[in-house]
Each structure stands twice: as C-alpha cells, then as structure tokens.
C-alpha cells in the first residue's frame, strides 16, 4: 500500500521520471536562452510549487 502523497513504483519508473527529466531540461533551456541565474529558476519553481500547495482554511475572522 502506498503512503499518502507518494508515487507507485510504476509511476516512479514512468511518468514521474519523465516529468522530472522534462522539468530539468526546460530549466536548463531557460538558463541557456535567458542567461538567468539559478536563483531565478528556483524562484520560478517555487511559484509553480505554490500553485499545488494545500491552502489553509480561513477561520472566518
């Protein structure tokens, strides 16, 4: 049984591995084509990650 928020072995050896490689490749392309520093790539990835973060519920205050 999988733990919550984990990928199966099949996913890890398939779509997850492919997605990871694609993200790395596209980040390398950004650096090469824009000459941006690693920090800018990290900031971009942080913004993207924040779109998938669980948003806290408001208390109604």
PDB file of N, CA and C in Angstrom:
ATOM      1  N   UNK A   1       0.840  -1.185   0.000  1.00  0.00           N
ATOM      2  CA  UNK A   1       0.000   0.000   0.000  1.00  0.00           C
ATOM      3  C   UNK A   1       0.883   1.245   0.000  1.00  0.00           C
ATOM      4  N   UNK A   2       0.487   2.240  -0.761  1.00  0.00           N
ATOM      5  CA  UNK A   2       1.256   3.480  -0.854  1.00  0.00           C
ATOM      6  C   UNK A   2       0.955   4.414   0.308  1.00  0.00           C
ATOM      7  N   UNK A   3       1.953   5.149   0.713  1.00  0.00           N
ATOM      8  CA  UNK A   3       1.769   6.202   1.701  1.00  0.00           C
ATOM      9  C   UNK A   3       1.077   7.367   1.005  1.00  0.00           C
ATOM     10  N   UNK A   4       0.353   8.204   1.754  1.00  0.00           N
ATOM     11  CA  UNK A   4      -0.256   9.379   1.119  1.00  0.00           C
ATOM     12  C   UNK A   4       0.824  10.238   0.459  1.00  0.00           C
ATOM     13  N   UNK A   5       0.502  10.793  -0.669  1.00  0.00           N
ATOM     14  CA  UNK A   5       1.386  11.701  -1.411  1.00  0.00           C
ATOM     15  C   UNK A   5       2.630  11.019  -1.953  1.00  0.00           C
ATOM     16  N   UNK A   6       2.598   9.710  -2.121  1.00  0.00           N
ATOM     17  CA  UNK A   6       3.741   9.032  -2.717  1.00  0.00           C
ATOM     18  C   UNK A   6       3.319   8.401  -4.045  1.00  0.00           C
ATOM     19  N   UNK A   7       4.284   8.190  -4.910  1.00  0.00           N
ATOM     20  CA  UNK A   7       4.025   7.582  -6.200  1.00  0.00           C
ATOM     21  C   UNK A   7       4.300   6.088  -6.127  1.00  0.00           C
ATOM     22  N   UNK A   8       3.592   5.341  -6.947  1.00  0.00           N
ATOM     23  CA  UNK A   8       3.839   3.897  -7.019  1.00  0.00           C
ATOM     24  C   UNK A   8       5.151   3.657  -7.769  1.00  0.00           C
ATOM     25  N   UNK A   9       5.662   2.430  -7.682  1.00  0.00           N
ATOM     26  CA  UNK A   9       6.888   2.076  -8.413  1.00  0.00           C
ATOM     27  C   UNK A   9       6.692   2.259  -9.906  1.00  0.00           C
ATOM     28  N   UNK A  10       5.517   1.897 -10.406  1.00  0.00           N
ATOM     29  CA  UNK A  10       5.238   2.047 -11.830  1.00  0.00           C
ATOM     30  C   UNK A  10       5.271   3.515 -12.243  1.00  0.00           C
ATOM     31  N   UNK A  11       4.705   4.380 -11.419  1.00  0.00           N
ATOM     32  CA  UNK A  11       4.724   5.814 -11.710  1.00  0.00           C
ATOM     33  C   UNK A  11       6.141   6.367 -11.636  1.00  0.00           C
ATOM     34  N   UNK A  12       6.897   5.922 -10.632  1.00  0.00           N
ATOM     35  CA  UNK A  12       8.272   6.412 -10.465  1.00  0.00           C
ATOM     36  C   UNK A  12       9.136   6.042 -11.667  1.00  0.00           C
ATOM     37  N   UNK A  13       8.868   4.904 -12.265  1.00  0.00           N
ATOM     38  CA  UNK A  13       9.649   4.451 -13.407  1.00  0.00           C
ATOM     39  C   UNK A  13       9.009   4.839 -14.734  1.00  0.00           C
ATOM     40  N   UNK A  14       7.984   5.650 -14.681  1.00  0.00           N
ATOM     41  CA  UNK A  14       7.281   6.056 -15.890  1.00  0.00           C
ATOM     42  C   UNK A  14       7.101   7.556 -15.941  1.00  0.00           C
ATOM     43  N   UNK A  15       5.873   7.991 -15.691  1.00  0.00           N
ATOM     44  CA  UNK A  15       5.509   9.392 -15.850  1.00  0.00           C
ATOM     45  C   UNK A  15       6.276  10.314 -14.898  1.00  0.00           C
ATOM     46  N   UNK A  16       6.543   9.874 -13.685  1.00  0.00           N
ATOM     47  CA  UNK A  16       7.259  10.731 -12.731  1.00  0.00           C
ATOM     48  C   UNK A  16       8.692  10.958 -13.210  1.00  0.00           C
ATOM     49  N   UNK A  17       9.354   9.903 -13.625  1.00  0.00           N
ATOM     50  CA  UNK A  17      10.725  10.015 -14.121  1.00  0.00           C
ATOM     51  C   UNK A  17      10.781  10.903 -15.364  1.00  0.00           C
ATOM     52  N   UNK A  18       9.828  10.730 -16.266  1.00  0.00           N
ATOM     53  CA  UNK A  18       9.761  11.533 -17.484  1.00  0.00           C
ATOM     54  C   UNK A  18       9.491  13.001 -17.168  1.00  0.00           C
ATOM     55  N   UNK A  19       8.568  13.247 -16.256  1.00  0.00           N
ATOM     56  CA  UNK A  19       8.240  14.621 -15.867  1.00  0.00           C
ATOM     57  C   UNK A  19       9.440  15.305 -15.237  1.00  0.00           C
ATOM     58  N   UNK A  20      10.136  14.605 -14.358  1.00  0.00           N
ATOM     59  CA  UNK A  20      11.337  15.151 -13.727  1.00  0.00           C
ATOM     60  C   UNK A  20      12.363  15.533 -14.788  1.00  0.00           C
ATOM     61  N   UNK A  21      12.599  14.634 -15.719  1.00  0.00           N
ATOM     62  CA  UNK A  21      13.579  14.908 -16.776  1.00  0.00           C
ATOM     63  C   UNK A  21      13.149  16.108 -17.616  1.00  0.00           C
ATOM     64  N   UNK A  22      11.856  16.206 -17.908  1.00  0.00           N
ATOM     65  CA  UNK A  22      11.350  17.342 -18.690  1.00  0.00           C
ATOM     66  C   UNK A  22      11.522  18.656 -17.950  1.00  0.00           C
ATOM     67  N   UNK A  23      11.249  18.664 -16.659  1.00  0.00           N
ATOM     68  CA  UNK A  23      11.394  19.894 -15.864  1.00  0.00           C
ATOM     69  C   UNK A  23      12.860  20.331 -15.849  1.00  0.00           C
ATOM     70  N   UNK A  24      13.771  19.397 -15.598  1.00  0.00           N
ATOM     71  CA  UNK A  24      15.199  19.710 -15.584  1.00  0.00           C
ATOM     72  C   UNK A  24      15.637  20.249 -16.943  1.00  0.00           C
ATOM     73  N   UNK A  25      15.204  19.612 -18.013  1.00  0.00           N
ATOM     74  CA  UNK A  25      15.551  20.041 -19.361  1.00  0.00           C
ATOM     75  C   UNK A  25      15.043  21.457 -19.645  1.00  0.00           C
ATOM     76  N   UNK A  26      13.819  21.735 -19.270  1.00  0.00           N
ATOM     77  CA  UNK A  26      13.258  23.060 -19.523  1.00  0.00           C
ATOM     78  C   UNK A  26      13.936  24.134 -18.665  1.00  0.00           C
ATOM     79  N   UNK A  27      14.310  23.805 -17.451  1.00  0.00           N
ATOM     80  CA  UNK A  27      15.056  24.758 -16.620  1.00  0.00           C
ATOM     81  C   UNK A  27      16.415  25.047 -17.245  1.00  0.00           C
ATOM     82  N   UNK A  28      17.075  24.021 -17.749  1.00  0.00           N
ATOM     83  CA  UNK A  28      18.351  24.217 -18.440  1.00  0.00           C
ATOM     84  C   UNK A  28      18.172  25.091 -19.679  1.00  0.00           C
ATOM     85  N   UNK A  29      17.079  24.876 -20.422  1.00  0.00           N
ATOM     86  CA  UNK A  29      16.788  25.717 -21.583  1.00  0.00           C
ATOM     87  C   UNK A  29      16.587  27.176 -21.192  1.00  0.00           C
ATOM     88  N   UNK A  30      15.864  27.403 -20.106  1.00  0.00           N
ATOM     89  CA  UNK A  30      15.660  28.777 -19.627  1.00  0.00           C
ATOM     90  C   UNK A  30      16.991  29.447 -19.302  1.00  0.00           C
ATOM     91  N   UNK A  31      17.839  28.728 -18.577  1.00  0.00           N
ATOM     92  CA  UNK A  31      19.144  29.286 -18.218  1.00  0.00           C
ATOM     93  C   UNK A  31      19.966  29.601 -19.460  1.00  0.00           C
ATOM     94  N   UNK A  32      19.964  28.680 -20.422  1.00  0.00           N
ATOM     95  CA  UNK A  32      20.761  28.851 -21.630  1.00  0.00           C
ATOM     96  C   UNK A  32      20.230  30.006 -22.488  1.00  0.00           C
ATOM     97  N   UNK A  33      18.912  30.098 -22.637  1.00  0.00           N
ATOM     98  CA  UNK A  33      18.315  31.086 -23.530  1.00  0.00           C
ATOM     99  C   UNK A  33      18.119  32.458 -22.911  1.00  0.00           C
ATOM    100  N   UNK A  34      18.089  32.533 -21.578  1.00  0.00           N
ATOM    101  CA  UNK A  34      17.877  33.831 -20.921  1.00  0.00           C
ATOM    102  C   UNK A  34      19.083  34.276 -20.108  1.00  0.00           C
ATOM    103  N   UNK A  35      20.031  33.356 -19.908  1.00  0.00           N
ATOM    104  CA  UNK A  35      21.217  33.646 -19.097  1.00  0.00           C
ATOM    105  C   UNK A  35      20.850  34.018 -17.655  1.00  0.00           C
ATOM    106  N   UNK A  36      19.726  33.492 -17.171  1.00  0.00           N
ATOM    107  CA  UNK A  36      19.301  33.804 -15.807  1.00  0.00           C
ATOM    108  C   UNK A  36      20.077  32.943 -14.807  1.00  0.00           C
ATOM    109  N   UNK A  37      20.225  33.436 -13.594  1.00  0.00           N
ATOM    110  CA  UNK A  37      20.940  32.660 -12.567  1.00  0.00           C
ATOM    111  C   UNK A  37      20.059  31.549 -12.000  1.00  0.00           C
ATOM    112  N   UNK A  38      20.691  30.600 -11.327  1.00  0.00           N
ATOM    113  CA  UNK A  38      19.964  29.506 -10.683  1.00  0.00           C
ATOM    114  C   UNK A  38      18.891  30.023  -9.739  1.00  0.00           C
ATOM    115  N   UNK A  39      19.172  31.119  -9.046  1.00  0.00           N
ATOM    116  CA  UNK A  39      18.206  31.662  -8.087  1.00  0.00           C
ATOM    117  C   UNK A  39      16.893  32.036  -8.763  1.00  0.00           C
ATOM    118  N   UNK A  40      16.970  32.489  -9.996  1.00  0.00           N
ATOM    119  CA  UNK A  40      15.763  32.846 -10.725  1.00  0.00           C
ATOM    120  C   UNK A  40      14.960  31.591 -11.082  1.00  0.00           C
ATOM    121  N   UNK A  41      15.644  30.519 -11.422  1.00  0.00           N
ATOM    122  CA  UNK A  41      14.978  29.245 -11.694  1.00  0.00           C
ATOM    123  C   UNK A  41      14.320  28.725 -10.419  1.00  0.00           C
ATOM    124  N   UNK A  42      15.014  28.824  -9.295  1.00  0.00           N
ATOM    125  CA  UNK A  42      14.458  28.385  -8.015  1.00  0.00           C
ATOM    126  C   UNK A  42      13.201  29.193  -7.682  1.00  0.00           C
ATOM    127  N   UNK A  43      13.246  30.488  -7.913  1.00  0.00           N
ATOM    128  CA  UNK A  43      12.082  31.335  -7.648  1.00  0.00           C
ATOM    129  C   UNK A  43      10.904  30.917  -8.528  1.00  0.00           C
ATOM    130  N   UNK A  44      11.164  30.644  -9.797  1.00  0.00           N
ATOM    131  CA  UNK A  44      10.109  30.196 -10.707  1.00  0.00           C
ATOM    132  C   UNK A  44       9.510  28.878 -10.234  1.00  0.00           C
ATOM    133  N   UNK A  45      10.363  27.932  -9.869  1.00  0.00           N
ATOM    134  CA  UNK A  45       9.875  26.643  -9.393  1.00  0.00           C
ATOM    135  C   UNK A  45       9.085  26.780  -8.095  1.00  0.00           C
ATOM    136  N   UNK A  46       9.470  27.726  -7.249  1.00  0.00           N
ATOM    137  CA  UNK A  46       8.730  27.976  -6.013  1.00  0.00           C
ATOM    138  C   UNK A  46       7.330  28.505  -6.295  1.00  0.00           C
ATOM    139  N   UNK A  47       7.227  29.392  -7.273  1.00  0.00           N
ATOM    140  CA  UNK A  47       5.909  29.923  -7.653  1.00  0.00           C
ATOM    141  C   UNK A  47       5.038  28.793  -8.189  1.00  0.00           C
ATOM    142  N   UNK A  48       5.630  27.961  -9.033  1.00  0.00           N
ATOM    143  CA  UNK A  48       4.876  26.834  -9.587  1.00  0.00           C
ATOM    144  C   UNK A  48       4.440  25.893  -8.465  1.00  0.00           C
ATOM    145  N   UNK A  49       5.353  25.577  -7.550  1.00  0.00           N
ATOM    146  CA  UNK A  49       5.028  24.674  -6.439  1.00  0.00           C
ATOM    147  C   UNK A  49       3.915  25.244  -5.568  1.00  0.00           C
ATOM    148  N   UNK A  50       3.902  26.553  -5.397  1.00  0.00           N
ATOM    149  CA  UNK A  50       2.878  27.166  -4.545  1.00  0.00           C
ATOM    150  C   UNK A  50       1.477  26.973  -5.122  1.00  0.00           C
ATOM    151  N   UNK A  51       1.379  26.782  -6.431  1.00  0.00           N
ATOM    152  CA  UNK A  51       0.073  26.529  -7.037  1.00  0.00           C
ATOM    153  C   UNK A  51      -0.497  25.179  -6.627  1.00  0.00           C
ATOM    154  N   UNK A  52       0.359  24.287  -6.151  1.00  0.00           N
ATOM    155  CA  UNK A  52      -0.074  22.952  -5.767  1.00  0.00           C
ATOM    156  C   UNK A  52      -0.101  22.759  -4.245  1.00  0.00           C
ATOM    157  N   UNK A  53       0.268  23.789  -3.501  1.00  0.00           N
ATOM    158  CA  UNK A  53       0.289  23.692  -2.045  1.00  0.00           C
ATOM    159  C   UNK A  53      -1.136  23.696  -1.503  1.00  0.00           C
ATOM    160  N   UNK A  54      -1.319  23.006  -0.398  1.00  0.00           N
ATOM    161  CA  UNK A  54      -2.616  22.996   0.265  1.00  0.00           C
ATOM    162  C   UNK A  54      -2.811  24.348   0.926  1.00  0.00           C
ATOM    163  N   UNK A  55      -3.905  24.971   0.598  1.00  0.00           N
ATOM    164  CA  UNK A  55      -4.194  26.295   1.155  1.00  0.00           C
ATOM    165  C   UNK A  55      -4.923  26.133   2.483  1.00  0.00           C
ATOM    166  N   UNK A  56      -4.471  26.852   3.520  1.00  0.00           N
ATOM    167  CA  UNK A  56      -5.138  26.750   4.827  1.00  0.00           C
ATOM    168  C   UNK A  56      -6.548  27.321   4.757  1.00  0.00           C
ATOM    169  N   UNK A  57      -7.441  26.722   5.531  1.00  0.00           N
ATOM    170  CA  UNK A  57      -8.814  27.216   5.596  1.00  0.00           C
ATOM    171  C   UNK A  57      -8.861  28.454   6.464  1.00  0.00           C
ATOM    172  N   UNK A  58      -9.750  29.370   6.100  1.00  0.00           N
ATOM    173  CA  UNK A  58      -9.911  30.596   6.888  1.00  0.00           C
ATOM    174  C   UNK A  58     -10.875  30.328   8.033  1.00  0.00           C
ATOM    175  N   UNK A  59     -10.629  30.973   9.173  1.00  0.00           N
ATOM    176  CA  UNK A  59     -11.466  30.789  10.366  1.00  0.00           C
ATOM    177  C   UNK A  59     -12.717  31.644  10.347  1.00  0.00           C
ATOM    178  N   UNK A  60     -12.838  32.503   9.347  1.00  0.00           N
ATOM    179  CA  UNK A  60     -13.974  33.409   9.314  1.00  0.00           C
ATOM    180  C   UNK A  60     -13.690  34.696  10.044  1.00  0.00           C
ATOM    181  N   UNK A  61     -12.418  34.927  10.434  1.00  0.00           N
ATOM    182  CA  UNK A  61     -12.023  36.172  11.125  1.00  0.00           C
ATOM    183  C   UNK A  61     -11.813  37.267  10.144  1.00  0.00           C
TER     184      UNK A  61
END
